[in-house]
Amino acid sequence: MPAENRSYTGDGVHPEIARFRREFDTDWIPEGVDFIVESQRIRGERHNTDWSRLGLATGAFAALSALGVGMVWIPVFNYVWALATLAILVALPYIGARAAIFRLRKGRKKVFELDFSEGTPRWTSNDDRFWKHVKDFFKL
């Protein structure tokens, strides 16, 4: 589209970018989401937060194991420890599978970019479902 047909605000900001700054509802935004707003482009990213969950699961497993070792010498708790051991053995494949998935996804971000510099908006994203709120705002 020729430059003379574009309507921009006085500071060179695309009208949709200005509308985003004024009207976008930020209540839905989860922790760790960052927006980079430029005059012709909006980018968003959210870092993979799954690693913190993996650390929590590993820490819980280590704490339970240490507690269980201490319980072996207290006869009353032997039955409790047997049940806890059974629960751990059942949970280990699940925890291991999640750990493998987290390793594969290490460093992966959910990102989008909306570029208005070509006249018509150009949307790119690696997770449209996560950025649905943004797409709906721009009616894409």
N, C-alpha and C. Protein backbone atom coordinates (compact mmCIF):
# COMPACT_ATOMS: atom_id res chain seq x y z
N MET A 1 0.85 -1.17 0.00
CA MET A 1 0.00 0.00 0.00
C MET A 1 0.90 1.24 0.00
N PRO A 2 0.64 2.21 -0.85
CA PRO A 2 1.45 3.42 -0.88
C PRO A 2 1.38 4.18 0.43
N ALA A 3 2.46 4.89 0.74
CA ALA A 3 2.54 5.60 2.01
C ALA A 3 1.46 6.66 2.14
N GLU A 4 1.02 7.27 1.04
CA GLU A 4 0.03 8.33 1.14
C GLU A 4 -1.35 7.81 1.55
N ASN A 5 -1.60 6.47 1.40
CA ASN A 5 -2.89 5.91 1.78
C ASN A 5 -2.93 5.45 3.24
N ARG A 6 -1.81 5.43 3.89
CA ARG A 6 -1.78 5.00 5.28
C ARG A 6 -2.14 6.17 6.18
N SER A 7 -2.88 5.86 7.23
CA SER A 7 -3.19 6.91 8.20
C SER A 7 -2.47 6.60 9.49
N TYR A 8 -1.58 7.47 9.88
CA TYR A 8 -0.79 7.27 11.09
C TYR A 8 -1.05 8.41 12.04
N THR A 9 -0.78 8.15 13.31
CA THR A 9 -0.86 9.22 14.29
C THR A 9 0.31 10.16 14.05
N GLY A 10 0.31 11.29 14.67
CA GLY A 10 1.33 12.31 14.45
C GLY A 10 2.75 11.84 14.70
N ASP A 11 2.95 10.86 15.55
CA ASP A 11 4.31 10.40 15.86
C ASP A 11 4.75 9.21 15.02
N GLY A 12 4.03 8.88 13.92
CA GLY A 12 4.41 7.80 13.03
C GLY A 12 3.97 6.43 13.51
N VAL A 13 3.13 6.37 14.52
CA VAL A 13 2.66 5.09 15.07
C VAL A 13 1.41 4.66 14.30
N HIS A 14 1.40 3.40 13.88
CA HIS A 14 0.24 2.86 13.18
C HIS A 14 -0.99 2.96 14.09
N PRO A 15 -2.16 3.27 13.53
CA PRO A 15 -3.37 3.43 14.37
C PRO A 15 -3.72 2.19 15.19
N GLU A 16 -3.48 1.01 14.64
CA GLU A 16 -3.78 -0.21 15.40
C GLU A 16 -2.82 -0.39 16.57
N ILE A 17 -1.59 0.05 16.40
CA ILE A 17 -0.62 0.00 17.50
C ILE A 17 -1.06 0.97 18.60
N ALA A 18 -1.49 2.16 18.20
CA ALA A 18 -1.97 3.14 19.18
C ALA A 18 -3.21 2.60 19.90
N ARG A 19 -4.11 1.95 19.17
CA ARG A 19 -5.30 1.37 19.79
C ARG A 19 -4.90 0.26 20.77
N PHE A 20 -3.92 -0.54 20.42
CA PHE A 20 -3.42 -1.59 21.30
C PHE A 20 -2.92 -0.99 22.61
N ARG A 21 -2.14 0.08 22.50
CA ARG A 21 -1.61 0.73 23.71
C ARG A 21 -2.73 1.28 24.58
N ARG A 22 -3.78 1.81 23.97
CA ARG A 22 -4.88 2.42 24.73
C ARG A 22 -5.85 1.40 25.31
N GLU A 23 -6.21 0.39 24.52
CA GLU A 23 -7.39 -0.41 24.84
C GLU A 23 -7.13 -1.87 25.18
N PHE A 24 -5.93 -2.36 25.00
CA PHE A 24 -5.71 -3.79 25.20
C PHE A 24 -5.88 -4.16 26.67
N ASP A 25 -6.65 -5.22 26.91
CA ASP A 25 -6.93 -5.69 28.26
C ASP A 25 -5.77 -6.56 28.75
N THR A 26 -5.06 -6.09 29.74
CA THR A 26 -3.89 -6.81 30.23
C THR A 26 -4.21 -7.76 31.38
N ASP A 27 -5.48 -7.89 31.74
CA ASP A 27 -5.85 -8.77 32.87
C ASP A 27 -5.59 -10.24 32.58
N TRP A 28 -5.60 -10.66 31.33
CA TRP A 28 -5.42 -12.08 30.98
C TRP A 28 -3.96 -12.49 30.98
N ILE A 29 -3.05 -11.55 30.98
CA ILE A 29 -1.63 -11.84 30.75
C ILE A 29 -1.04 -12.61 31.92
N PRO A 30 -0.55 -13.83 31.68
CA PRO A 30 0.09 -14.59 32.76
C PRO A 30 1.49 -14.05 33.05
N GLU A 31 2.03 -14.49 34.15
CA GLU A 31 3.37 -14.07 34.56
C GLU A 31 4.40 -14.49 33.51
N GLY A 32 5.35 -13.62 33.25
CA GLY A 32 6.42 -13.95 32.32
C GLY A 32 6.18 -13.52 30.89
N VAL A 33 5.04 -12.89 30.59
CA VAL A 33 4.76 -12.43 29.23
C VAL A 33 5.26 -11.00 29.08
N ASP A 34 6.02 -10.78 28.01
CA ASP A 34 6.54 -9.44 27.71
C ASP A 34 6.07 -9.03 26.33
N PHE A 35 5.69 -7.76 26.20
CA PHE A 35 5.33 -7.19 24.90
C PHE A 35 6.37 -6.15 24.52
N ILE A 36 6.78 -6.19 23.27
CA ILE A 36 7.66 -5.18 22.71
C ILE A 36 6.83 -4.44 21.67
N VAL A 37 6.49 -3.20 21.96
CA VAL A 37 5.61 -2.43 21.09
C VAL A 37 6.44 -1.36 20.39
N GLU A 38 6.47 -1.42 19.07
CA GLU A 38 7.16 -0.44 18.25
C GLU A 38 6.13 0.33 17.44
N SER A 39 6.56 1.24 16.60
CA SER A 39 5.62 2.07 15.85
C SER A 39 4.87 1.29 14.77
N GLN A 40 5.47 0.22 14.22
CA GLN A 40 4.83 -0.57 13.16
C GLN A 40 4.68 -2.05 13.51
N ARG A 41 5.12 -2.44 14.69
CA ARG A 41 5.17 -3.86 15.00
C ARG A 41 4.95 -4.09 16.50
N ILE A 42 4.31 -5.21 16.79
CA ILE A 42 4.15 -5.67 18.18
C ILE A 42 4.69 -7.08 18.24
N ARG A 43 5.52 -7.34 19.22
CA ARG A 43 6.03 -8.68 19.46
C ARG A 43 5.72 -9.06 20.89
N GLY A 44 5.44 -10.32 21.10
CA GLY A 44 5.20 -10.83 22.45
C GLY A 44 5.96 -12.11 22.65
N GLU A 45 6.38 -12.34 23.88
CA GLU A 45 7.07 -13.59 24.18
C GLU A 45 6.81 -14.00 25.62
N ARG A 46 6.79 -15.29 25.80
CA ARG A 46 6.69 -15.88 27.14
C ARG A 46 7.69 -17.01 27.21
N HIS A 47 8.59 -16.92 28.15
CA HIS A 47 9.59 -17.96 28.32
C HIS A 47 8.96 -19.22 28.87
N ASN A 48 9.55 -20.36 28.59
CA ASN A 48 9.08 -21.64 29.09
C ASN A 48 9.23 -21.68 30.60
N THR A 49 8.12 -21.83 31.31
CA THR A 49 8.16 -21.84 32.78
C THR A 49 8.13 -23.26 33.33
N ASP A 50 8.16 -24.27 32.47
CA ASP A 50 8.05 -25.65 32.93
C ASP A 50 9.23 -26.09 33.77
N TRP A 51 10.39 -25.44 33.60
CA TRP A 51 11.57 -25.86 34.37
C TRP A 51 11.36 -25.68 35.85
N SER A 52 10.61 -24.66 36.26
CA SER A 52 10.38 -24.46 37.69
C SER A 52 9.55 -25.61 38.25
N ARG A 53 8.60 -26.13 37.47
CA ARG A 53 7.80 -27.27 37.92
C ARG A 53 8.66 -28.52 38.04
N LEU A 54 9.59 -28.70 37.11
CA LEU A 54 10.48 -29.86 37.18
C LEU A 54 11.32 -29.79 38.45
N GLY A 55 11.82 -28.62 38.79
CA GLY A 55 12.61 -28.45 40.01
C GLY A 55 11.78 -28.77 41.24
N LEU A 56 10.52 -28.36 41.24
CA LEU A 56 9.63 -28.64 42.36
C LEU A 56 9.40 -30.15 42.50
N ALA A 57 9.16 -30.83 41.39
CA ALA A 57 8.93 -32.28 41.44
C ALA A 57 10.19 -33.00 41.90
N THR A 58 11.34 -32.60 41.42
CA THR A 58 12.60 -33.23 41.82
C THR A 58 12.88 -32.98 43.30
N GLY A 59 12.64 -31.76 43.75
CA GLY A 59 12.84 -31.44 45.17
C GLY A 59 11.91 -32.23 46.07
N ALA A 60 10.64 -32.37 45.66
CA ALA A 60 9.68 -33.14 46.45
C ALA A 60 10.10 -34.60 46.51
N PHE A 61 10.57 -35.14 45.40
CA PHE A 61 11.02 -36.53 45.38
C PHE A 61 12.23 -36.72 46.31
N ALA A 62 13.18 -35.80 46.26
CA ALA A 62 14.38 -35.90 47.11
C ALA A 62 14.00 -35.79 48.60
N ALA A 63 13.10 -34.87 48.92
CA ALA A 63 12.67 -34.70 50.32
C ALA A 63 11.95 -35.95 50.82
N LEU A 64 11.08 -36.50 49.99
CA LEU A 64 10.35 -37.70 50.38
C LEU A 64 11.30 -38.88 50.55
N SER A 65 12.29 -38.99 49.69
CA SER A 65 13.28 -40.07 49.80
C SER A 65 14.08 -39.95 51.09
N ALA A 66 14.53 -38.73 51.40
CA ALA A 66 15.30 -38.52 52.63
C ALA A 66 14.45 -38.82 53.86
N LEU A 67 13.20 -38.40 53.83
CA LEU A 67 12.29 -38.67 54.94
C LEU A 67 12.07 -40.18 55.09
N GLY A 68 11.94 -40.85 53.96
CA GLY A 68 11.73 -42.30 53.98
C GLY A 68 12.91 -43.05 54.56
N VAL A 69 14.11 -42.62 54.23
CA VAL A 69 15.30 -43.27 54.79
C VAL A 69 15.31 -43.12 56.30
N GLY A 70 14.92 -41.97 56.80
CA GLY A 70 14.84 -41.75 58.25
C GLY A 70 13.77 -42.60 58.90
N MET A 71 12.70 -42.88 58.19
CA MET A 71 11.59 -43.65 58.75
C MET A 71 11.90 -45.13 58.88
N VAL A 72 12.86 -45.61 58.13
CA VAL A 72 13.18 -47.04 58.16
C VAL A 72 13.56 -47.48 59.57
N TRP A 73 14.19 -46.62 60.34
CA TRP A 73 14.64 -46.98 61.68
C TRP A 73 13.58 -46.78 62.75
N ILE A 74 12.41 -46.28 62.38
CA ILE A 74 11.31 -46.11 63.33
C ILE A 74 10.26 -47.16 62.95
N PRO A 75 10.11 -48.22 63.74
CA PRO A 75 9.27 -49.36 63.36
C PRO A 75 7.83 -49.00 63.01
N VAL A 76 7.23 -48.06 63.71
CA VAL A 76 5.82 -47.72 63.45
C VAL A 76 5.64 -47.17 62.04
N PHE A 77 6.65 -46.47 61.53
CA PHE A 77 6.53 -45.84 60.23
C PHE A 77 6.91 -46.75 59.06
N ASN A 78 7.29 -47.99 59.33
CA ASN A 78 7.67 -48.90 58.24
C ASN A 78 6.52 -49.10 57.26
N TYR A 79 5.29 -49.22 57.77
CA TYR A 79 4.14 -49.42 56.89
C TYR A 79 3.86 -48.16 56.06
N VAL A 80 4.01 -47.03 56.71
CA VAL A 80 3.81 -45.76 56.00
C VAL A 80 4.86 -45.62 54.91
N TRP A 81 6.10 -45.97 55.24
CA TRP A 81 7.17 -45.88 54.25
C TRP A 81 6.94 -46.85 53.09
N ALA A 82 6.40 -48.02 53.37
CA ALA A 82 6.10 -48.98 52.30
C ALA A 82 5.07 -48.39 51.34
N LEU A 83 4.04 -47.74 51.88
CA LEU A 83 3.03 -47.09 51.02
C LEU A 83 3.64 -45.92 50.23
N ALA A 84 4.50 -45.14 50.90
CA ALA A 84 5.15 -44.02 50.21
C ALA A 84 6.06 -44.53 49.10
N THR A 85 6.77 -45.63 49.35
CA THR A 85 7.65 -46.21 48.33
C THR A 85 6.83 -46.68 47.13
N LEU A 86 5.70 -47.30 47.40
CA LEU A 86 4.83 -47.74 46.32
C LEU A 86 4.35 -46.55 45.49
N ALA A 87 3.98 -45.48 46.17
CA ALA A 87 3.53 -44.27 45.46
C ALA A 87 4.65 -43.69 44.61
N ILE A 88 5.87 -43.71 45.14
CA ILE A 88 7.02 -43.19 44.39
C ILE A 88 7.27 -44.05 43.15
N LEU A 89 7.21 -45.35 43.31
CA LEU A 89 7.45 -46.25 42.18
C LEU A 89 6.39 -46.08 41.09
N VAL A 90 5.16 -45.80 41.48
CA VAL A 90 4.11 -45.55 40.51
C VAL A 90 4.33 -44.19 39.82
N ALA A 91 4.81 -43.20 40.58
CA ALA A 91 4.98 -41.84 40.04
C ALA A 91 6.25 -41.67 39.22
N LEU A 92 7.26 -42.52 39.43
CA LEU A 92 8.54 -42.35 38.74
C LEU A 92 8.43 -42.31 37.21
N PRO A 93 7.68 -43.20 36.57
CA PRO A 93 7.58 -43.11 35.11
C PRO A 93 6.96 -41.79 34.65
N TYR A 94 5.98 -41.31 35.38
CA TYR A 94 5.34 -40.03 35.05
C TYR A 94 6.33 -38.88 35.20
N ILE A 95 7.05 -38.87 36.33
CA ILE A 95 8.03 -37.80 36.56
C ILE A 95 9.15 -37.88 35.52
N GLY A 96 9.59 -39.07 35.18
CA GLY A 96 10.63 -39.23 34.17
C GLY A 96 10.18 -38.76 32.80
N ALA A 97 8.95 -39.09 32.42
CA ALA A 97 8.43 -38.65 31.12
C ALA A 97 8.33 -37.14 31.06
N ARG A 98 7.84 -36.54 32.14
CA ARG A 98 7.74 -35.07 32.17
C ARG A 98 9.12 -34.43 32.11
N ALA A 99 10.08 -35.02 32.80
CA ALA A 99 11.45 -34.48 32.76
C ALA A 99 12.00 -34.53 31.34
N ALA A 100 11.74 -35.62 30.62
CA ALA A 100 12.21 -35.73 29.23
C ALA A 100 11.56 -34.67 28.35
N ILE A 101 10.27 -34.47 28.54
CA ILE A 101 9.56 -33.44 27.76
C ILE A 101 10.12 -32.06 28.08
N PHE A 102 10.37 -31.77 29.34
CA PHE A 102 10.90 -30.47 29.72
C PHE A 102 12.28 -30.25 29.10
N ARG A 103 13.09 -31.31 29.07
CA ARG A 103 14.43 -31.18 28.47
C ARG A 103 14.31 -30.85 26.98
N LEU A 104 13.36 -31.49 26.31
CA LEU A 104 13.17 -31.22 24.89
C LEU A 104 12.71 -29.80 24.64
N ARG A 105 11.92 -29.27 25.57
CA ARG A 105 11.36 -27.93 25.38
C ARG A 105 12.23 -26.84 26.01
N LYS A 106 13.37 -27.20 26.55
CA LYS A 106 14.22 -26.22 27.24
C LYS A 106 14.47 -24.99 26.36
N GLY A 107 14.22 -23.85 26.92
CA GLY A 107 14.48 -22.61 26.22
C GLY A 107 13.42 -22.22 25.21
N ARG A 108 12.44 -23.05 24.96
CA ARG A 108 11.40 -22.72 23.98
C ARG A 108 10.51 -21.62 24.53
N LYS A 109 10.25 -20.65 23.71
CA LYS A 109 9.38 -19.55 24.10
C LYS A 109 8.11 -19.60 23.26
N LYS A 110 7.05 -19.03 23.81
CA LYS A 110 5.84 -18.79 23.03
C LYS A 110 5.99 -17.37 22.52
N VAL A 111 6.01 -17.21 21.20
CA VAL A 111 6.25 -15.89 20.63
C VAL A 111 5.22 -15.58 19.54
N PHE A 112 4.99 -14.29 19.35
CA PHE A 112 4.20 -13.84 18.20
C PHE A 112 4.80 -12.54 17.71
N GLU A 113 4.48 -12.22 16.47
CA GLU A 113 4.82 -10.91 15.92
C GLU A 113 3.68 -10.48 15.01
N LEU A 114 3.28 -9.25 15.15
CA LEU A 114 2.26 -8.66 14.30
C LEU A 114 2.88 -7.42 13.66
N ASP A 115 3.03 -7.46 12.34
CA ASP A 115 3.73 -6.40 11.61
C ASP A 115 2.75 -5.67 10.71
N PHE A 116 2.67 -4.36 10.88
CA PHE A 116 1.78 -3.52 10.07
C PHE A 116 2.53 -2.75 8.99
N SER A 117 3.81 -2.96 8.83
CA SER A 117 4.61 -2.14 7.91
C SER A 117 4.27 -2.39 6.44
N GLU A 118 3.68 -3.52 6.10
CA GLU A 118 3.34 -3.84 4.71
C GLU A 118 1.95 -3.33 4.31
N GLY A 119 1.25 -2.69 5.20
CA GLY A 119 -0.12 -2.25 4.90
C GLY A 119 -1.14 -3.18 5.54
N THR A 120 -1.15 -4.44 5.11
CA THR A 120 -2.04 -5.42 5.74
C THR A 120 -1.26 -6.08 6.87
N PRO A 121 -1.92 -6.37 7.97
CA PRO A 121 -1.20 -6.97 9.10
C PRO A 121 -0.68 -8.37 8.76
N ARG A 122 0.55 -8.64 9.19
CA ARG A 122 1.16 -9.96 8.99
C ARG A 122 1.41 -10.58 10.36
N TRP A 123 0.71 -11.69 10.63
CA TRP A 123 0.78 -12.37 11.93
C TRP A 123 1.66 -13.60 11.81
N THR A 124 2.60 -13.75 12.73
CA THR A 124 3.36 -14.98 12.86
C THR A 124 3.39 -15.37 14.33
N SER A 125 3.30 -16.68 14.59
CA SER A 125 3.26 -17.15 15.97
C SER A 125 3.63 -18.62 16.00
N ASN A 126 4.17 -19.06 17.13
CA ASN A 126 4.42 -20.49 17.29
C ASN A 126 3.41 -21.15 18.22
N ASP A 127 2.42 -20.37 18.70
CA ASP A 127 1.37 -20.93 19.55
C ASP A 127 0.14 -20.01 19.48
N ASP A 128 -0.64 -20.18 18.41
CA ASP A 128 -1.81 -19.31 18.22
C ASP A 128 -2.83 -19.45 19.34
N ARG A 129 -2.93 -20.62 19.92
CA ARG A 129 -3.91 -20.80 21.00
C ARG A 129 -3.56 -19.95 22.22
N PHE A 130 -2.26 -19.89 22.55
CA PHE A 130 -1.84 -19.08 23.69
C PHE A 130 -2.08 -17.60 23.43
N TRP A 131 -1.86 -17.14 22.20
CA TRP A 131 -1.99 -15.72 21.85
C TRP A 131 -3.37 -15.38 21.31
N LYS A 132 -4.36 -16.23 21.54
CA LYS A 132 -5.72 -16.02 21.03
C LYS A 132 -6.29 -14.67 21.44
N HIS A 133 -6.02 -14.24 22.65
CA HIS A 133 -6.54 -12.96 23.14
C HIS A 133 -6.03 -11.81 22.27
N VAL A 134 -4.78 -11.87 21.89
CA VAL A 134 -4.21 -10.82 21.04
C VAL A 134 -4.81 -10.89 19.64
N LYS A 135 -4.92 -12.09 19.08
CA LYS A 135 -5.50 -12.24 17.75
C LYS A 135 -6.95 -11.74 17.72
N ASP A 136 -7.70 -12.06 18.76
CA ASP A 136 -9.09 -11.60 18.84
C ASP A 136 -9.17 -10.07 18.93
N PHE A 137 -8.24 -9.48 19.65
CA PHE A 137 -8.22 -8.02 19.78
C PHE A 137 -8.07 -7.37 18.40
N PHE A 138 -7.22 -7.93 17.55
CA PHE A 138 -6.99 -7.36 16.22
C PHE A 138 -7.91 -7.98 15.15
N LYS A 139 -8.81 -8.86 15.57
CA LYS A 139 -9.76 -9.53 14.66
C LYS A 139 -9.03 -10.24 13.52
N LEU A 140 -8.04 -11.01 13.88
CA LEU A 140 -7.26 -11.78 12.89
C LEU A 140 -7.77 -13.20 12.79
